Every structure is written in C-alpha cells, then in structure tokens.
Amino acid sequence: MEYAGFYWIGLTFWLLISSGFILLFLGLWKKSWKTLIVSGVALILPTLYFGGAENWFRMVVFLPLIPLVLAYIIKKNNV
C-alpha cells in the first residue's frame, strides 16, 4: 500500500497564492505600497511554476507585476 502523506508543498503553494491575493486587495483598499510589495513577492514563487507551461498559461508569470507596478505608482504619488 502506497502512503501519500500530506503534501506540504501543495499547502505552501496555495497559501502563497491566497495570501498574495488577499494582500493585493488589502493594499488596494488601504492604498499601502508596502502591502502591495509583499503581495507581489508572495505571488512570484507560485507563478514561476507556471512558467514551464507550453500554452497561454505561461502568461501567468506576469501576474506579480501588477501589485509591484501598483506599489510603484502609489509610492510615487504619495511622495
């Protein structure tokens, strides 16, 4: 009998994705550039997994650029 166990990498993958989107919405709501940067960094690792796709799904790699660009815009407008 094969023992599958608990998939910690899967849990980490989905926690990073969910926390990235939650932080994205919080950063937009509060207009916090620091929260948007953390959101972008949290989304980088899971989206790099999709970089090896052979179809249009490869474009998901550009998803972390959205919060990072928004953080730059918010920081630039607040200074």
N, C-alpha and C. Protein backbone atom coordinates (compact mmCIF):
# COMPACT_ATOMS: atom_id res chain seq x y z
N MET A 1 0.84 -1.18 0.00
CA MET A 1 0.00 0.00 0.00
C MET A 1 0.88 1.24 0.00
N GLU A 2 0.57 2.13 -0.88
CA GLU A 2 1.38 3.34 -1.02
C GLU A 2 0.88 4.42 -0.06
N TYR A 3 1.82 5.04 0.62
CA TYR A 3 1.47 6.09 1.56
C TYR A 3 1.73 7.44 0.91
N ALA A 4 0.68 8.22 0.73
CA ALA A 4 0.81 9.51 0.06
C ALA A 4 1.28 10.59 1.02
N GLY A 5 0.79 10.57 2.24
CA GLY A 5 1.20 11.58 3.20
C GLY A 5 0.53 12.92 2.93
N PHE A 6 1.01 13.90 3.64
CA PHE A 6 0.48 15.25 3.49
C PHE A 6 1.39 16.02 2.56
N TYR A 7 0.81 16.73 1.62
CA TYR A 7 1.59 17.47 0.63
C TYR A 7 1.85 18.89 1.11
N TRP A 8 2.99 19.07 1.79
CA TRP A 8 3.34 20.38 2.32
C TRP A 8 3.61 21.39 1.22
N ILE A 9 4.17 20.93 0.11
CA ILE A 9 4.46 21.86 -0.99
C ILE A 9 3.17 22.39 -1.59
N GLY A 10 2.14 21.54 -1.65
CA GLY A 10 0.84 21.99 -2.15
C GLY A 10 0.21 23.01 -1.21
N LEU A 11 0.31 22.75 0.08
CA LEU A 11 -0.22 23.69 1.06
C LEU A 11 0.50 25.03 0.97
N THR A 12 1.83 24.99 0.86
CA THR A 12 2.61 26.22 0.73
C THR A 12 2.24 26.97 -0.54
N PHE A 13 2.09 26.24 -1.63
CA PHE A 13 1.72 26.82 -2.92
C PHE A 13 0.40 27.59 -2.81
N TRP A 14 -0.62 26.95 -2.26
CA TRP A 14 -1.94 27.60 -2.17
C TRP A 14 -1.98 28.68 -1.11
N LEU A 15 -1.21 28.55 -0.05
CA LEU A 15 -1.15 29.62 0.95
C LEU A 15 -0.49 30.88 0.37
N LEU A 16 0.54 30.70 -0.44
CA LEU A 16 1.18 31.85 -1.07
C LEU A 16 0.24 32.53 -2.06
N ILE A 17 -0.50 31.74 -2.82
CA ILE A 17 -1.43 32.33 -3.79
C ILE A 17 -2.55 33.07 -3.07
N SER A 18 -3.15 32.44 -2.06
CA SER A 18 -4.26 33.09 -1.36
C SER A 18 -3.79 34.32 -0.59
N SER A 19 -2.64 34.23 0.08
CA SER A 19 -2.16 35.39 0.81
C SER A 19 -1.76 36.51 -0.15
N GLY A 20 -1.25 36.15 -1.33
CA GLY A 20 -0.91 37.17 -2.32
C GLY A 20 -2.12 37.95 -2.78
N PHE A 21 -3.22 37.25 -3.05
CA PHE A 21 -4.43 37.94 -3.49
C PHE A 21 -5.10 38.71 -2.36
N ILE A 22 -5.08 38.17 -1.15
CA ILE A 22 -5.65 38.89 0.00
C ILE A 22 -4.87 40.18 0.25
N LEU A 23 -3.54 40.07 0.20
CA LEU A 23 -2.72 41.26 0.39
C LEU A 23 -2.88 42.26 -0.75
N LEU A 24 -3.12 41.76 -1.96
CA LEU A 24 -3.37 42.65 -3.09
C LEU A 24 -4.62 43.48 -2.85
N PHE A 25 -5.69 42.84 -2.42
CA PHE A 25 -6.94 43.57 -2.17
C PHE A 25 -6.80 44.51 -0.96
N LEU A 26 -6.10 44.06 0.08
CA LEU A 26 -5.88 44.94 1.23
C LEU A 26 -5.02 46.15 0.85
N GLY A 27 -4.00 45.91 0.04
CA GLY A 27 -3.13 47.01 -0.39
C GLY A 27 -3.86 48.03 -1.24
N LEU A 28 -4.76 47.54 -2.10
CA LEU A 28 -5.54 48.47 -2.91
C LEU A 28 -6.55 49.23 -2.06
N TRP A 29 -7.13 48.54 -1.09
CA TRP A 29 -8.14 49.17 -0.24
C TRP A 29 -7.51 50.24 0.65
N LYS A 30 -6.37 49.92 1.25
CA LYS A 30 -5.70 50.85 2.15
C LYS A 30 -4.74 51.79 1.42
N LYS A 31 -4.50 51.54 0.14
CA LYS A 31 -3.51 52.28 -0.65
C LYS A 31 -2.13 52.23 0.01
N SER A 32 -1.75 51.01 0.40
CA SER A 32 -0.47 50.79 1.06
C SER A 32 0.51 50.16 0.08
N TRP A 33 1.58 50.87 -0.24
CA TRP A 33 2.55 50.35 -1.20
C TRP A 33 3.35 49.20 -0.61
N LYS A 34 3.55 49.21 0.71
CA LYS A 34 4.29 48.12 1.35
C LYS A 34 3.52 46.80 1.27
N THR A 35 2.22 46.86 1.47
CA THR A 35 1.39 45.66 1.38
C THR A 35 1.37 45.13 -0.05
N LEU A 36 1.37 46.02 -1.02
CA LEU A 36 1.39 45.59 -2.41
C LEU A 36 2.71 44.93 -2.79
N ILE A 37 3.80 45.40 -2.23
CA ILE A 37 5.10 44.77 -2.49
C ILE A 37 5.14 43.37 -1.90
N VAL A 38 4.63 43.20 -0.69
CA VAL A 38 4.59 41.87 -0.08
C VAL A 38 3.69 40.95 -0.90
N SER A 39 2.60 41.49 -1.42
CA SER A 39 1.72 40.72 -2.28
C SER A 39 2.44 40.24 -3.54
N GLY A 40 3.17 41.13 -4.18
CA GLY A 40 3.92 40.76 -5.38
C GLY A 40 4.97 39.71 -5.10
N VAL A 41 5.68 39.85 -3.98
CA VAL A 41 6.70 38.87 -3.62
C VAL A 41 6.07 37.52 -3.30
N ALA A 42 4.91 37.53 -2.64
CA ALA A 42 4.24 36.27 -2.31
C ALA A 42 3.74 35.57 -3.56
N LEU A 43 3.45 36.31 -4.61
CA LEU A 43 2.95 35.71 -5.84
C LEU A 43 4.05 35.27 -6.80
N ILE A 44 5.28 35.68 -6.59
CA ILE A 44 6.36 35.35 -7.52
C ILE A 44 6.61 33.85 -7.59
N LEU A 45 6.80 33.20 -6.47
CA LEU A 45 7.15 31.77 -6.48
C LEU A 45 6.07 30.89 -7.08
N PRO A 46 4.80 31.04 -6.70
CA PRO A 46 3.79 30.18 -7.33
C PRO A 46 3.63 30.43 -8.83
N THR A 47 3.79 31.66 -9.27
CA THR A 47 3.60 31.93 -10.70
C THR A 47 4.80 31.44 -11.53
N LEU A 48 5.97 31.35 -10.94
CA LEU A 48 7.11 30.81 -11.67
C LEU A 48 6.91 29.34 -12.01
N TYR A 49 6.10 28.65 -11.24
CA TYR A 49 5.77 27.25 -11.52
C TYR A 49 5.08 27.14 -12.88
N PHE A 50 4.26 28.12 -13.22
CA PHE A 50 3.52 28.08 -14.48
C PHE A 50 4.37 28.54 -15.66
N GLY A 51 5.59 28.99 -15.42
CA GLY A 51 6.46 29.42 -16.50
C GLY A 51 6.87 28.30 -17.43
N GLY A 52 6.78 27.07 -16.99
CA GLY A 52 7.13 25.93 -17.82
C GLY A 52 6.00 25.42 -18.68
N ALA A 53 4.87 26.09 -18.65
CA ALA A 53 3.73 25.64 -19.45
C ALA A 53 4.01 25.87 -20.93
N GLU A 54 3.36 25.09 -21.76
CA GLU A 54 3.57 25.19 -23.19
C GLU A 54 2.45 25.94 -23.91
N ASN A 55 1.53 26.54 -23.18
CA ASN A 55 0.41 27.23 -23.81
C ASN A 55 0.30 28.65 -23.23
N TRP A 56 -0.86 29.24 -23.38
CA TRP A 56 -1.08 30.61 -22.93
C TRP A 56 -0.96 30.74 -21.42
N PHE A 57 -1.00 29.63 -20.69
CA PHE A 57 -0.90 29.67 -19.23
C PHE A 57 0.44 30.21 -18.77
N ARG A 58 1.41 30.27 -19.66
CA ARG A 58 2.73 30.82 -19.35
C ARG A 58 2.63 32.30 -18.99
N MET A 59 1.59 32.97 -19.45
CA MET A 59 1.41 34.41 -19.20
C MET A 59 1.12 34.71 -17.72
N VAL A 60 0.78 33.70 -16.94
CA VAL A 60 0.51 33.89 -15.51
C VAL A 60 1.77 34.39 -14.79
N VAL A 61 2.93 34.17 -15.40
CA VAL A 61 4.19 34.60 -14.80
C VAL A 61 4.21 36.12 -14.61
N PHE A 62 3.47 36.84 -15.43
CA PHE A 62 3.46 38.30 -15.34
C PHE A 62 2.49 38.83 -14.27
N LEU A 63 1.76 37.95 -13.61
CA LEU A 63 0.79 38.36 -12.59
C LEU A 63 1.42 39.15 -11.44
N PRO A 64 2.60 38.78 -10.91
CA PRO A 64 3.18 39.57 -9.81
C PRO A 64 3.56 40.99 -10.21
N LEU A 65 3.65 41.26 -11.49
CA LEU A 65 3.98 42.62 -11.91
C LEU A 65 2.86 43.60 -11.59
N ILE A 66 1.63 43.13 -11.53
CA ILE A 66 0.50 44.02 -11.25
C ILE A 66 0.64 44.68 -9.88
N PRO A 67 0.78 43.91 -8.78
CA PRO A 67 0.93 44.60 -7.49
C PRO A 67 2.22 45.40 -7.37
N LEU A 68 3.29 44.94 -8.02
CA LEU A 68 4.55 45.68 -7.94
C LEU A 68 4.47 47.02 -8.68
N VAL A 69 3.82 47.04 -9.82
CA VAL A 69 3.64 48.30 -10.55
C VAL A 69 2.69 49.23 -9.79
N LEU A 70 1.63 48.66 -9.23
CA LEU A 70 0.71 49.47 -8.43
C LEU A 70 1.40 50.05 -7.20
N ALA A 71 2.29 49.29 -6.58
CA ALA A 71 3.06 49.80 -5.43
C ALA A 71 3.93 50.97 -5.84
N TYR A 72 4.56 50.85 -7.00
CA TYR A 72 5.39 51.95 -7.51
C TYR A 72 4.56 53.20 -7.77
N ILE A 73 3.39 53.01 -8.37
CA ILE A 73 2.52 54.16 -8.67
C ILE A 73 2.05 54.83 -7.39
N ILE A 74 1.62 54.04 -6.41
CA ILE A 74 1.14 54.60 -5.14
C ILE A 74 2.26 55.31 -4.40
N LYS A 75 3.45 54.71 -4.38
CA LYS A 75 4.60 55.33 -3.71
C LYS A 75 4.97 56.64 -4.40
N LYS A 76 4.95 56.64 -5.73
CA LYS A 76 5.32 57.83 -6.49
C LYS A 76 4.31 58.97 -6.26
N ASN A 77 3.03 58.64 -6.16
CA ASN A 77 2.00 59.67 -5.97
C ASN A 77 1.97 60.21 -4.53
N ASN A 78 2.45 59.46 -3.57
CA ASN A 78 2.44 59.89 -2.17
C ASN A 78 3.64 60.75 -1.81
N VAL A 79 4.68 60.72 -2.60
CA VAL A 79 5.90 61.46 -2.27
C VAL A 79 5.81 62.87 -2.68
